[in-house]
Protein backbone atom coordinates (compact mmCIF):
# COMPACT_ATOMS: atom_id res chain seq x y z
CA UNK A 1 0.00 0.00 0.00
CA UNK A 2 1.07 3.56 -0.69
CA UNK A 3 -0.13 6.68 1.16
CA UNK A 4 -2.82 8.62 -0.66
CA UNK A 5 -2.45 11.66 1.60
CA UNK A 6 -0.76 13.10 4.69
CA UNK A 7 -2.35 14.98 7.56
CA UNK A 8 -1.18 18.32 8.89
CA UNK A 9 -2.12 18.65 12.55
CA UNK A 10 -1.13 20.63 15.66
CA UNK A 11 0.75 17.67 17.12
CA UNK A 12 4.43 17.85 16.19
CA UNK A 13 5.36 14.89 18.43
CA UNK A 14 3.54 11.92 19.93
CA UNK A 15 3.42 13.56 23.35
CA UNK A 16 0.16 15.46 23.72
CA UNK A 17 -1.83 13.65 21.05
CA UNK A 18 -5.36 12.87 22.34
CA UNK A 19 -5.73 9.22 23.31
CA UNK A 20 -8.73 8.78 21.03
CA UNK A 21 -10.15 10.59 18.03
CA UNK A 22 -12.94 13.07 18.62
CA UNK A 23 -12.30 13.92 22.26
CA UNK A 24 -10.54 17.21 21.39
CA UNK A 25 -11.69 19.45 18.53
CA UNK A 26 -8.27 20.39 17.21
CA UNK A 27 -8.13 21.44 13.54
CA UNK A 28 -6.22 19.53 10.88
CA UNK A 29 -5.97 19.36 7.10
CA UNK A 30 -5.60 16.33 4.86
CA UNK A 31 -3.51 16.96 1.75
CA UNK A 32 -3.60 14.36 -1.00
CA UNK A 33 -0.52 13.16 -2.81
CA UNK A 34 -0.28 14.73 -6.29
CA UNK A 35 -1.66 11.70 -8.15
CA UNK A 36 -4.78 11.72 -5.95
CA UNK A 37 -5.54 15.46 -6.13
CA UNK A 38 -8.56 14.85 -8.31
CA UNK A 39 -11.83 16.63 -7.54
CA UNK A 40 -13.87 13.69 -8.82
CA UNK A 41 -12.28 11.41 -6.21
CA UNK A 42 -14.04 13.28 -3.38
CA UNK A 43 -17.27 14.01 -5.22
CA UNK A 44 -20.15 13.49 -2.77
CA UNK A 45 -17.92 13.36 0.30
CA UNK A 46 -19.16 16.81 1.35
CA UNK A 47 -22.53 15.21 2.10
CA UNK A 48 -21.05 13.32 5.06
CA UNK A 49 -20.37 14.87 8.48
CA UNK A 50 -17.78 12.32 9.60
CA UNK A 51 -15.20 10.23 7.78
CA UNK A 52 -12.98 7.28 8.62
CA UNK A 53 -9.23 7.61 8.22
CA UNK A 54 -7.07 4.52 7.76
CA UNK A 55 -3.49 5.49 8.52
CA UNK A 56 -0.08 4.32 9.65
CA UNK A 57 1.49 4.62 13.10
CA UNK A 58 4.55 5.85 11.24
CA UNK A 59 6.55 6.56 14.41
CA UNK A 60 5.85 3.12 15.86
CA UNK A 61 6.94 0.84 13.01
CA UNK A 62 9.32 -1.82 14.31
CA UNK A 63 10.62 -5.26 13.49
CA UNK A 64 8.67 -8.00 15.20
CA UNK A 65 5.69 -7.72 17.49
CA UNK A 66 4.45 -8.83 20.89
CA UNK A 67 1.13 -10.67 21.43
CA UNK A 68 0.52 -8.60 24.58
CA UNK A 69 0.89 -4.90 25.38
CA UNK A 70 0.39 -2.65 28.40
CA UNK A 71 -2.59 -0.33 27.70
CA UNK A 72 -2.23 3.17 29.18
CA UNK A 73 -5.91 2.86 30.15
CA UNK A 74 -4.86 0.24 32.73
CA UNK A 75 -2.00 2.34 34.03
CA UNK A 76 0.64 0.53 32.01
CA UNK A 77 0.81 -2.17 34.69
CA UNK A 78 -1.34 -4.91 33.18
CA UNK A 79 -0.88 -6.80 29.94
CA UNK A 80 -3.69 -7.39 27.47
CA UNK A 81 -3.76 -9.04 24.07
CA UNK A 82 -2.65 -6.64 21.36
CA UNK A 83 -5.86 -7.27 19.40
CA UNK A 84 -7.91 -6.26 22.45
CA UNK A 85 -6.27 -2.81 22.45
CA UNK A 86 -5.64 0.17 20.22
CA UNK A 87 -1.91 0.12 20.89
CA UNK A 88 0.27 1.43 18.03
CA UNK A 89 2.63 -1.54 18.50
CA UNK A 90 0.90 -4.05 16.25
CA UNK A 91 1.91 -6.63 13.62
CA UNK A 92 0.82 -4.03 11.05
CA UNK A 93 1.09 -0.48 12.38
CA UNK A 94 -2.34 0.60 11.13
CA UNK A 95 -4.62 3.11 12.85
CA UNK A 96 -8.32 3.83 12.39
CA UNK A 97 -9.91 7.16 13.36
CA UNK A 98 -13.27 8.82 12.84
CA UNK A 99 -12.98 12.59 12.38
CA UNK A 100 -15.42 15.36 11.59
CA UNK A 101 -15.29 16.73 8.05
CA UNK A 102 -15.64 20.51 8.24
CA UNK A 103 -15.25 21.39 4.58
CA UNK A 104 -13.49 20.51 1.35
CA UNK A 105 -11.23 23.34 0.25
CA UNK A 106 -11.14 23.59 -3.55
CA UNK A 107 -9.56 27.06 -3.71
CA UNK A 108 -5.94 26.23 -2.90
CA UNK A 109 -2.97 25.00 -4.92
CA UNK A 110 -3.15 21.50 -3.38
CA UNK A 111 -6.92 21.13 -3.73
CA UNK A 112 -8.99 19.30 -2.90
CA UNK A 113 -7.89 19.61 0.75
CA UNK A 114 -10.03 18.14 3.52
CA UNK A 115 -10.41 20.31 6.63
CA UNK A 116 -11.25 18.17 9.65
CA UNK A 117 -11.44 18.31 13.44
CA UNK A 118 -10.90 15.76 16.20
CA UNK A 119 -7.97 13.92 14.63
CA UNK A 120 -5.63 11.98 16.93
CA UNK A 121 -2.80 11.89 14.37
CA UNK A 122 0.67 13.37 14.54
CA UNK A 123 1.60 15.98 11.97
CA UNK A 124 2.76 14.31 8.76
CA UNK A 125 1.07 10.97 9.39
CA UNK A 126 0.51 9.03 6.15
CA UNK A 127 -3.09 8.16 5.30
CA UNK A 128 -3.89 5.05 3.27
CA UNK A 129 -7.62 5.42 2.75
CA UNK A 130 -10.66 7.59 3.50
CA UNK A 131 -14.20 6.29 3.82
CA UNK A 132 -17.51 7.93 4.80
CA UNK A 133 -18.85 7.29 8.31
CA UNK A 134 -22.36 5.79 8.30
CA UNK A 135 -24.21 6.26 11.63
CA UNK A 136 -26.77 3.51 11.00
CA UNK A 137 -24.11 0.83 10.72
CA UNK A 138 -20.92 2.28 12.25
CA UNK A 139 -22.42 3.38 15.59
CA UNK A 140 -23.25 0.86 18.33
CA UNK A 141 -23.83 2.95 21.47
CA UNK A 142 -25.10 0.03 23.57
CA UNK A 143 -22.22 -2.33 22.76
CA UNK A 144 -19.98 -3.75 25.50
CA UNK A 145 -16.66 -1.87 25.81
CA UNK A 146 -14.50 -4.34 27.71
CA UNK A 147 -11.98 -2.74 30.04
CA UNK A 148 -12.74 0.73 28.58
CA UNK A 149 -16.47 1.14 29.26
CA UNK A 150 -16.39 4.94 29.34
CA UNK A 151 -14.12 7.95 29.03
CA UNK A 152 -11.15 7.29 31.27
CA UNK A 153 -10.16 10.62 32.64
CA UNK A 154 -11.80 13.20 34.79
CA UNK A 155 -10.86 16.51 33.21
CA UNK A 156 -8.20 18.73 34.70
CA UNK A 157 -8.91 22.37 35.38
CA UNK A 158 -6.58 24.40 33.16
CA UNK A 159 -4.98 27.61 34.41
CA UNK A 160 -3.36 29.85 31.81
CA UNK A 161 -2.74 33.58 32.02
CA UNK A 162 -4.83 35.24 29.26
CA UNK A 163 -1.80 37.22 28.09
CA UNK A 164 0.15 34.00 27.83
CA UNK A 165 -2.64 32.27 25.93
CA UNK A 166 -2.84 35.19 23.51
CA UNK A 167 0.57 34.20 22.15
CA UNK A 168 -1.25 31.43 20.29
CA UNK A 169 -3.37 32.19 17.22
CA UNK A 170 -7.01 32.51 18.32
CA UNK A 171 -8.20 29.42 16.42
CA UNK A 172 -5.69 27.22 18.29
CA UNK A 173 -6.33 28.40 21.84
CA UNK A 174 -9.38 26.31 22.71
CA UNK A 175 -7.78 23.18 21.30
CA UNK A 176 -4.74 23.60 23.52
CA UNK A 177 -6.90 24.05 26.62
CA UNK A 178 -8.82 20.88 25.75
CA UNK A 179 -5.63 18.89 25.19
CA UNK A 180 -4.30 19.94 28.59
CA UNK A 181 -7.65 19.26 30.28
CA UNK A 182 -7.38 15.63 29.14
CA UNK A 183 -3.94 15.35 30.81
CA UNK A 184 -1.39 14.40 28.13
CA UNK A 185 1.08 13.00 30.68
CA UNK A 186 1.83 9.28 30.80
CA UNK A 187 -0.55 7.73 33.31
CA UNK A 188 2.26 6.44 35.49
CA UNK A 189 3.67 9.94 36.09
CA UNK A 190 2.31 12.13 38.88
CA UNK A 191 5.02 14.57 39.93
CA UNK A 192 3.46 17.90 40.92
CA UNK A 193 6.79 19.72 40.60
CA UNK A 194 7.79 18.42 37.19
CA UNK A 195 7.58 20.83 34.27
CA UNK A 196 6.43 19.12 31.08
CA UNK A 197 7.09 20.37 27.57
CA UNK A 198 4.73 19.75 24.67
CA UNK A 199 4.94 20.93 21.08
CA UNK A 200 1.60 22.22 19.82
CA UNK A 201 1.36 23.76 16.34
CA UNK A 202 5.07 24.58 16.60
CA UNK A 203 4.74 26.32 19.97
CA UNK A 204 6.59 24.89 22.97
CA UNK A 205 4.03 24.59 25.78
CA UNK A 206 5.37 24.28 29.33
CA UNK A 207 3.02 23.10 32.07
CA UNK A 208 2.79 21.24 35.34
CA UNK A 209 -0.05 19.33 36.99
CA UNK A 210 -0.95 19.69 40.64
CA UNK A 211 -4.10 18.94 42.63
CA UNK A 212 -6.30 18.41 39.61
CA UNK A 213 -5.02 21.47 37.74
CA UNK A 214 -2.90 21.81 34.62
CA UNK A 215 -0.96 25.05 35.06
CA UNK A 216 0.63 26.58 31.97
CA UNK A 217 3.96 28.13 32.90
CA UNK A 218 5.25 29.26 29.50
CA UNK A 219 4.40 29.36 25.81
CA UNK A 220 7.48 29.71 23.63
CA UNK A 221 7.02 31.01 20.10
CA UNK A 222 8.63 28.78 17.45
CA UNK A 223 10.42 31.72 15.80
CA UNK A 224 11.73 33.94 18.55
CA UNK A 225 11.65 31.37 21.39
CA UNK A 226 10.32 33.97 23.83
CA UNK A 227 7.46 33.34 26.24
CA UNK A 228 5.84 34.73 29.32
CA UNK A 229 4.86 33.18 32.60
């Protein structure tokens, strides 16, 4: 298989990516490879509100595989079968995500470009296929959910000085707050004094977590590397 497109998202590294698609409404764009930039190939897709993305865990490709993994949902302390999890460490490093289709941009040099929200993909991730989401067959709200019966985390309260937050473009601010509210730290880490760094849309976000709060301490601009606290 060859990638048909790549996604451009706010997540420059794996750290900070939402644990599932759709839980944070961060913007992203899907740019097709030149041979697939054909308007007819997406004809009718604008009629659907959500789409499926089939993609590669490109940063997790490795030789060999393990039949069991340690899901973060279980604190990283208990092993489960790889096929009972959504771990990126699989025999074939393939991911599946449902994202909201906002619009199809046909007025740019790389058109058609898909503008989406809710993607849990790192910037530059290769996409192998796109399919429409069909609620009548793809949604099973009463189905059993194994060891993940509901959303795992209680949200953190996010504290960020408004002047500090204003360093980010306005359309990225809410997404950052939502990412931090879902606590991007590894589940086994709980050091109230530790300062974490996360790249978000090129900005270096510094924060710590204490007593149920995510406290932003600095936002460093990618160009001048200056921030405030």
